[in-house]
């Protein structure tokens, strides 16, 4: 019995606690979803004063040859200061693309809206995982 108590005492006193490295992981709590054909730059998430739009990922699939791209900017449909957030991803018919790590990997500069561009002959199904913090 004494040996068991001594072992418990040694384990509780000498155990080092793991220390987290880096900032805490932030998850997203909102989803934008759309099915659309070729549409020029279109605002999908509006900026909120004093907060940032943060992305956790996105996914798309094509029902015909198409491209999809995320951009950000200000003004009507991100028409001012438009900046590409992702490359234009080409989708063949019945193919998909996914970039969804599950935690925030990018935050837009303050005051910017998130926009989507789709091109091509078919429709694209797009899901964007985001949070406004």
Protein backbone atom coordinates (compact mmCIF):
# COMPACT_ATOMS: atom_id res chain seq x y z
CA UNK A 1 0.00 0.00 0.00
CA UNK A 2 2.86 2.37 0.87
CA UNK A 3 4.50 1.62 -2.49
CA UNK A 4 1.30 2.51 -4.33
CA UNK A 5 0.94 5.81 -2.45
CA UNK A 6 4.59 6.66 -3.14
CA UNK A 7 4.17 5.90 -6.85
CA UNK A 8 1.07 8.12 -7.03
CA UNK A 9 2.94 10.93 -5.27
CA UNK A 10 5.91 10.70 -7.63
CA UNK A 11 3.69 10.69 -10.72
CA UNK A 12 1.68 13.71 -9.59
CA UNK A 13 4.70 15.81 -8.62
CA UNK A 14 7.02 15.15 -11.51
CA UNK A 15 4.63 15.16 -14.46
CA UNK A 16 5.28 18.03 -16.83
CA UNK A 17 2.28 19.69 -18.41
CA UNK A 18 2.21 20.17 -22.19
CA UNK A 19 2.24 23.80 -23.24
CA UNK A 20 0.28 24.88 -26.35
CA UNK A 21 2.30 26.46 -29.14
CA UNK A 22 0.90 29.31 -31.22
CA UNK A 23 -2.51 30.94 -31.16
CA UNK A 24 -5.64 28.96 -30.39
CA UNK A 25 -7.33 27.23 -33.32
CA UNK A 26 -10.50 29.01 -34.43
CA UNK A 27 -13.27 27.13 -36.19
CA UNK A 28 -15.90 28.58 -38.48
CA UNK A 29 -19.60 28.63 -37.68
CA UNK A 30 -21.28 29.65 -40.96
CA UNK A 31 -21.74 28.17 -44.45
CA UNK A 32 -22.63 29.83 -47.74
CA UNK A 33 -24.00 27.52 -50.42
CA UNK A 34 -25.08 28.23 -54.01
CA UNK A 35 -25.67 26.51 -57.34
CA UNK A 36 -25.13 28.86 -60.24
CA UNK A 37 -24.01 29.14 -63.84
CA UNK A 38 -21.57 31.71 -65.18
CA UNK A 39 -21.87 34.80 -62.97
CA UNK A 40 -19.44 37.69 -62.83
CA UNK A 41 -18.12 38.85 -59.49
CA UNK A 42 -20.91 38.48 -56.90
CA UNK A 43 -20.86 39.38 -53.20
CA UNK A 44 -21.56 36.32 -51.03
CA UNK A 45 -20.61 37.60 -47.55
CA UNK A 46 -20.91 41.24 -46.50
CA UNK A 47 -18.38 42.87 -44.21
CA UNK A 48 -19.40 43.78 -40.67
CA UNK A 49 -17.97 46.92 -39.05
CA UNK A 50 -15.30 46.06 -36.51
CA UNK A 51 -15.14 42.37 -37.49
CA UNK A 52 -13.22 40.22 -39.96
CA UNK A 53 -14.53 37.61 -42.37
CA UNK A 54 -12.44 34.50 -41.77
CA UNK A 55 -12.32 31.46 -44.04
CA UNK A 56 -12.12 27.82 -43.02
CA UNK A 57 -12.39 26.40 -46.51
CA UNK A 58 -14.47 25.89 -49.59
CA UNK A 59 -15.61 23.19 -51.94
CA UNK A 60 -17.06 23.14 -55.45
CA UNK A 61 -18.23 20.68 -58.02
CA UNK A 62 -19.05 21.22 -61.68
CA UNK A 63 -21.99 19.94 -63.67
CA UNK A 64 -20.18 21.00 -66.85
CA UNK A 65 -16.89 22.66 -67.69
CA UNK A 66 -16.57 25.60 -65.28
CA UNK A 67 -14.20 27.64 -63.15
CA UNK A 68 -14.76 29.00 -59.65
CA UNK A 69 -12.75 31.59 -57.74
CA UNK A 70 -13.01 33.48 -54.45
CA UNK A 71 -12.12 37.16 -54.39
CA UNK A 72 -12.58 40.06 -52.01
CA UNK A 73 -13.05 43.80 -52.28
CA UNK A 74 -15.39 46.65 -51.42
CA UNK A 75 -18.25 48.42 -53.15
CA UNK A 76 -20.92 46.84 -55.31
CA UNK A 77 -20.08 43.14 -55.72
CA UNK A 78 -16.45 43.70 -54.62
CA UNK A 79 -15.92 45.98 -57.63
CA UNK A 80 -13.42 48.23 -55.84
CA UNK A 81 -9.99 46.96 -54.80
CA UNK A 82 -10.82 43.49 -56.09
CA UNK A 83 -8.20 40.96 -54.99
CA UNK A 84 -8.01 37.26 -55.82
CA UNK A 85 -8.13 35.09 -52.74
CA UNK A 86 -7.83 31.78 -54.59
CA UNK A 87 -6.70 30.83 -58.06
CA UNK A 88 -9.43 30.14 -60.62
CA UNK A 89 -10.10 26.43 -60.12
CA UNK A 90 -11.07 24.58 -63.31
CA UNK A 91 -13.74 21.93 -62.96
CA UNK A 92 -14.52 19.40 -65.68
CA UNK A 93 -18.01 17.92 -65.83
CA UNK A 94 -18.76 15.88 -62.70
CA UNK A 95 -15.53 16.74 -60.90
CA UNK A 96 -15.03 18.38 -57.54
CA UNK A 97 -12.54 20.47 -55.61
CA UNK A 98 -12.18 20.83 -51.86
CA UNK A 99 -9.90 22.92 -49.67
CA UNK A 100 -11.31 22.59 -46.16
CA UNK A 101 -8.80 22.25 -43.30
CA UNK A 102 -11.59 22.86 -40.76
CA UNK A 103 -10.07 25.89 -39.05
CA UNK A 104 -9.47 29.53 -39.98
CA UNK A 105 -6.63 29.79 -42.46
CA UNK A 106 -7.23 33.31 -43.81
CA UNK A 107 -9.01 36.48 -42.71
CA UNK A 108 -9.96 39.21 -45.16
CA UNK A 109 -8.65 42.71 -44.53
CA UNK A 110 -11.11 44.71 -42.43
CA UNK A 111 -14.02 46.24 -44.35
CA UNK A 112 -13.85 43.84 -47.31
CA UNK A 113 -16.66 41.66 -48.66
CA UNK A 114 -16.17 38.08 -49.86
CA UNK A 115 -17.15 37.46 -53.49
CA UNK A 116 -17.45 34.53 -55.90
CA UNK A 117 -16.80 34.30 -59.64
CA UNK A 118 -18.11 31.36 -61.70
CA UNK A 119 -17.56 30.88 -65.42
CA UNK A 120 -18.20 28.17 -67.97
CA UNK A 121 -20.96 26.30 -69.72
CA UNK A 122 -22.35 24.30 -66.83
CA UNK A 123 -23.44 25.08 -63.31
CA UNK A 124 -21.24 24.95 -60.24
CA UNK A 125 -22.22 23.98 -56.72
CA UNK A 126 -20.14 25.97 -54.23
CA UNK A 127 -19.91 25.82 -50.44
CA UNK A 128 -17.84 28.31 -48.44
CA UNK A 129 -17.13 27.72 -44.73
CA UNK A 130 -16.54 30.99 -42.86
CA UNK A 131 -17.01 32.97 -39.67
CA UNK A 132 -17.35 36.67 -38.89
CA UNK A 133 -15.35 37.44 -35.74
